[in-house]
C-alpha atoms as a PDB file:
ATOM      1  CA  UNK A   1     104.092 136.269 106.151  1.00  0.00           C
ATOM      2  CA  UNK A   2     102.647 134.120 108.883  1.00  0.00           C
ATOM      3  CA  UNK A   3     100.433 132.100 106.296  1.00  0.00           C
ATOM      4  CA  UNK A   4     103.487 130.730 104.427  1.00  0.00           C
ATOM      5  CA  UNK A   5     105.059 129.728 107.541  1.00  0.00           C
ATOM      6  CA  UNK A   6     102.022 128.326 108.346  1.00  0.00           C
ATOM      7  CA  UNK A   7     101.898 125.900 105.488  1.00  0.00           C
ATOM      8  CA  UNK A   8     105.418 125.405 105.508  1.00  0.00           C
ATOM      9  CA  UNK A   9     104.808 123.688 109.112  1.00  0.00           C
ATOM     10  CA  UNK A  10     102.041 122.029 108.113  1.00  0.00           C
ATOM     11  CA  UNK A  11     103.999 120.100 105.509  1.00  0.00           C
ATOM     12  CA  UNK A  12     106.438 119.643 107.457  1.00  0.00           C
ATOM     13  CA  UNK A  13     104.169 117.878 110.080  1.00  0.00           C
ATOM     14  CA  UNK A  14     102.030 115.842 107.534  1.00  0.00           C
ATOM     15  CA  UNK A  15     105.286 114.573 105.680  1.00  0.00           C
ATOM     16  CA  UNK A  16     106.714 113.314 109.276  1.00  0.00           C
ATOM     17  CA  UNK A  17     103.530 111.762 110.171  1.00  0.00           C
ATOM     18  CA  UNK A  18     103.218 110.061 107.053  1.00  0.00           C
ATOM     19  CA  UNK A  19     106.721 108.719 107.157  1.00  0.00           C
ATOM     20  CA  UNK A  20     105.849 107.488 110.991  1.00  0.00           C
ATOM     21  CA  UNK A  21     102.626 105.562 109.752  1.00  0.00           C
ATOM     22  CA  UNK A  22     104.731 103.830 106.956  1.00  0.00           C
ATOM     23  CA  UNK A  23     107.513 102.422 109.350  1.00  0.00           C
ATOM     24  CA  UNK A  24     104.701 100.265 110.707  1.00  0.00           C
ATOM     25  CA  UNK A  25     102.845  99.062 108.078  1.00  0.00           C
ATOM     26  CA  UNK A  26     101.900  95.706 109.549  1.00  0.00           C
ATOM     27  CA  UNK A  27      98.744  94.913 111.198  1.00  0.00           C
ATOM     28  CA  UNK A  28      97.449  91.920 112.493  1.00  0.00           C
ATOM     29  CA  UNK A  29      93.820  91.288 114.502  1.00  0.00           C
ATOM     30  CA  UNK A  30      93.461  88.364 116.822  1.00  0.00           C
ATOM     31  CA  UNK A  31      90.245  86.627 117.444  1.00  0.00           C
ATOM     32  CA  UNK A  32      90.694  85.182 121.067  1.00  0.00           C
ATOM     33  CA  UNK A  33      89.331  81.921 121.632  1.00  0.00           C
ATOM     34  CA  UNK A  34      86.899  82.355 124.929  1.00  0.00           C
ATOM     35  CA  UNK A  35      86.296  78.898 125.767  1.00  0.00           C
ATOM     36  CA  UNK A  36      87.251  78.471 129.548  1.00  0.00           C
ATOM     37  CA  UNK A  37      89.601  75.840 128.829  1.00  0.00           C
ATOM     38  CA  UNK A  38      91.184  77.900 126.645  1.00  0.00           C
ATOM     39  CA  UNK A  39      92.135  80.279 129.376  1.00  0.00           C
ATOM     40  CA  UNK A  40      95.254  78.645 130.468  1.00  0.00           C
ATOM     41  CA  UNK A  41      96.576  79.953 127.205  1.00  0.00           C
ATOM     42  CA  UNK A  42      97.707  83.423 127.234  1.00  0.00           C
ATOM     43  CA  UNK A  43      97.456  84.456 123.200  1.00  0.00           C
ATOM     44  CA  UNK A  44      98.150  88.313 122.599  1.00  0.00           C
ATOM     45  CA  UNK A  45      99.867  90.244 120.059  1.00  0.00           C
ATOM     46  CA  UNK A  46     102.372  92.924 121.313  1.00  0.00           C
ATOM     47  CA  UNK A  47     102.073  96.760 120.873  1.00  0.00           C
ATOM     48  CA  UNK A  48     103.164  96.329 117.389  1.00  0.00           C
ATOM     49  CA  UNK A  49     101.080  94.119 116.412  1.00  0.00           C
ATOM     50  CA  UNK A  50     103.904  91.918 114.710  1.00  0.00           C
ATOM     51  CA  UNK A  51     104.719  88.993 116.914  1.00  0.00           C
ATOM     52  CA  UNK A  52     101.827  86.507 118.726  1.00  0.00           C
ATOM     53  CA  UNK A  53     103.032  86.018 122.797  1.00  0.00           C
ATOM     54  CA  UNK A  54     102.300  83.122 123.982  1.00  0.00           C
ATOM     55  CA  UNK A  55     102.104  82.027 127.925  1.00  0.00           C
ATOM     56  CA  UNK A  56     100.966  78.904 129.153  1.00  0.00           C
ATOM     57  CA  UNK A  57     101.401  77.263 132.964  1.00  0.00           C
ATOM     58  CA  UNK A  58     102.026  73.938 131.069  1.00  0.00           C
ATOM     59  CA  UNK A  59     104.542  73.234 128.185  1.00  0.00           C
ATOM     60  CA  UNK A  60     103.307  74.082 124.561  1.00  0.00           C
ATOM     61  CA  UNK A  61     104.478  71.383 122.334  1.00  0.00           C
ATOM     62  CA  UNK A  62     103.341  72.131 118.796  1.00  0.00           C
ATOM     63  CA  UNK A  63     101.925  75.068 117.055  1.00  0.00           C
ATOM     64  CA  UNK A  64     100.661  75.282 113.281  1.00  0.00           C
ATOM     65  CA  UNK A  65      98.641  77.524 111.289  1.00  0.00           C
ATOM     66  CA  UNK A  66      96.317  76.650 108.633  1.00  0.00           C
ATOM     67  CA  UNK A  67      95.515  80.012 105.964  1.00  0.00           C
ATOM     68  CA  UNK A  68      92.574  80.629 103.678  1.00  0.00           C
ATOM     69  CA  UNK A  69      94.373  77.752 100.970  1.00  0.00           C
ATOM     70  CA  UNK A  70      94.388  75.272 103.352  1.00  0.00           C
ATOM     71  CA  UNK A  71      98.288  75.560 103.581  1.00  0.00           C
ATOM     72  CA  UNK A  72     100.380  75.245 106.632  1.00  0.00           C
ATOM     73  CA  UNK A  73     102.582  78.385 106.866  1.00  0.00           C
ATOM     74  CA  UNK A  74     103.676  77.693 110.369  1.00  0.00           C
ATOM     75  CA  UNK A  75     104.656  74.455 111.918  1.00  0.00           C
ATOM     76  CA  UNK A  76     106.965  74.168 114.488  1.00  0.00           C
ATOM     77  CA  UNK A  77     107.601  71.832 117.331  1.00  0.00           C
ATOM     78  CA  UNK A  78     108.758  73.334 120.590  1.00  0.00           C
ATOM     79  CA  UNK A  79     108.661  72.501 124.418  1.00  0.00           C
ATOM     80  CA  UNK A  80     108.364  75.580 126.345  1.00  0.00           C
ATOM     81  CA  UNK A  81     106.018  77.399 128.444  1.00  0.00           C
ATOM     82  CA  UNK A  82     106.760  81.100 126.704  1.00  0.00           C
ATOM     83  CA  UNK A  83     107.030  81.743 122.948  1.00  0.00           C
ATOM     84  CA  UNK A  84     107.138  84.567 121.181  1.00  0.00           C
ATOM     85  CA  UNK A  85     106.121  83.824 117.361  1.00  0.00           C
ATOM     86  CA  UNK A  86     107.131  86.397 114.583  1.00  0.00           C
ATOM     87  CA  UNK A  87     104.245  86.993 112.093  1.00  0.00           C
ATOM     88  CA  UNK A  88     106.221  88.734 109.257  1.00  0.00           C
ATOM     89  CA  UNK A  89     106.179  85.366 107.293  1.00  0.00           C
ATOM     90  CA  UNK A  90     102.729  85.218 107.459  1.00  0.00           C
ATOM     91  CA  UNK A  91     100.492  85.652 104.098  1.00  0.00           C
ATOM     92  CA  UNK A  92      97.901  88.411 104.090  1.00  0.00           C
ATOM     93  CA  UNK A  93      94.438  86.877 105.239  1.00  0.00           C
ATOM     94  CA  UNK A  94      92.571  84.818 107.771  1.00  0.00           C
ATOM     95  CA  UNK A  95      95.004  82.207 109.345  1.00  0.00           C
ATOM     96  CA  UNK A  96      93.742  79.532 111.797  1.00  0.00           C
ATOM     97  CA  UNK A  97      96.264  78.679 114.313  1.00  0.00           C
ATOM     98  CA  UNK A  98      96.115  75.817 116.680  1.00  0.00           C
ATOM     99  CA  UNK A  99      98.472  75.463 120.120  1.00  0.00           C
ATOM    100  CA  UNK A 100      98.723  71.988 121.450  1.00  0.00           C
ATOM    101  CA  UNK A 101      99.285  71.933 125.083  1.00  0.00           C
ATOM    102  CA  UNK A 102      99.594  68.541 126.907  1.00  0.00           C
ATOM    103  CA  UNK A 103      96.337  66.963 126.448  1.00  0.00           C
ATOM    104  CA  UNK A 104      94.334  69.480 124.317  1.00  0.00           C
ATOM    105  CA  UNK A 105      94.688  71.991 121.445  1.00  0.00           C
ATOM    106  CA  UNK A 106      93.407  75.582 121.486  1.00  0.00           C
ATOM    107  CA  UNK A 107      92.265  77.379 118.224  1.00  0.00           C
ATOM    108  CA  UNK A 108      92.032  80.830 117.315  1.00  0.00           C
ATOM    109  CA  UNK A 109      92.403  83.190 114.493  1.00  0.00           C
ATOM    110  CA  UNK A 110      94.780  85.483 113.225  1.00  0.00           C
ATOM    111  CA  UNK A 111      93.855  88.067 110.774  1.00  0.00           C
ATOM    112  CA  UNK A 112      96.795  89.570 108.849  1.00  0.00           C
ATOM    113  CA  UNK A 113      95.489  92.989 107.354  1.00  0.00           C
ATOM    114  CA  UNK A 114      98.567  94.524 106.039  1.00  0.00           C
ATOM    115  CA  UNK A 115     101.829  92.408 105.078  1.00  0.00           C
ATOM    116  CA  UNK A 116     105.468  93.977 105.852  1.00  0.00           C
ATOM    117  CA  UNK A 117     106.518  95.808 102.521  1.00  0.00           C
ATOM    118  CA  UNK A 118     109.042  93.070 102.011  1.00  0.00           C
ATOM    119  CA  UNK A 119     111.480  93.171  98.977  1.00  0.00           C
ATOM    120  CA  UNK A 120     111.663  89.324  97.902  1.00  0.00           C
ATOM    121  CA  UNK A 121     115.167  88.570  97.279  1.00  0.00           C
ATOM    122  CA  UNK A 122     116.031  87.167  94.119  1.00  0.00           C
ATOM    123  CA  UNK A 123     119.093  85.003  93.216  1.00  0.00           C
ATOM    124  CA  UNK A 124     121.755  87.258  92.069  1.00  0.00           C
ATOM    125  CA  UNK A 125     124.958  85.635  90.730  1.00  0.00           C
ATOM    126  CA  UNK A 126     127.635  88.004  90.542  1.00  0.00           C
ATOM    127  CA  UNK A 127     130.775  87.138  88.447  1.00  0.00           C
END
């Protein structure tokens, strides 16, 4: 009888952990720029690795990314010192991000390892 109770509890724990892991199906990895001139820009991923956090003592004017197909997926003109960039819209693979500060450009790499499981919205017509 104890074996059956143990097996049932083990199955419950297994399925609950599987659901908890599947909720965070988005993973990204950052390769920081270690140049001394790039230390003015704090570029980190948040704890859930779905948002890029940018912080600078000077204003950030432009952010763009280039993917492995040499296309820009992000191209934003901003004028702020702190910025949170959601990574949900990036495709899977390597992305080179360029952040323009006053007179310099800081380049670093983000690898999107596993993209969000999004359902593509099709154009539905309702009659």
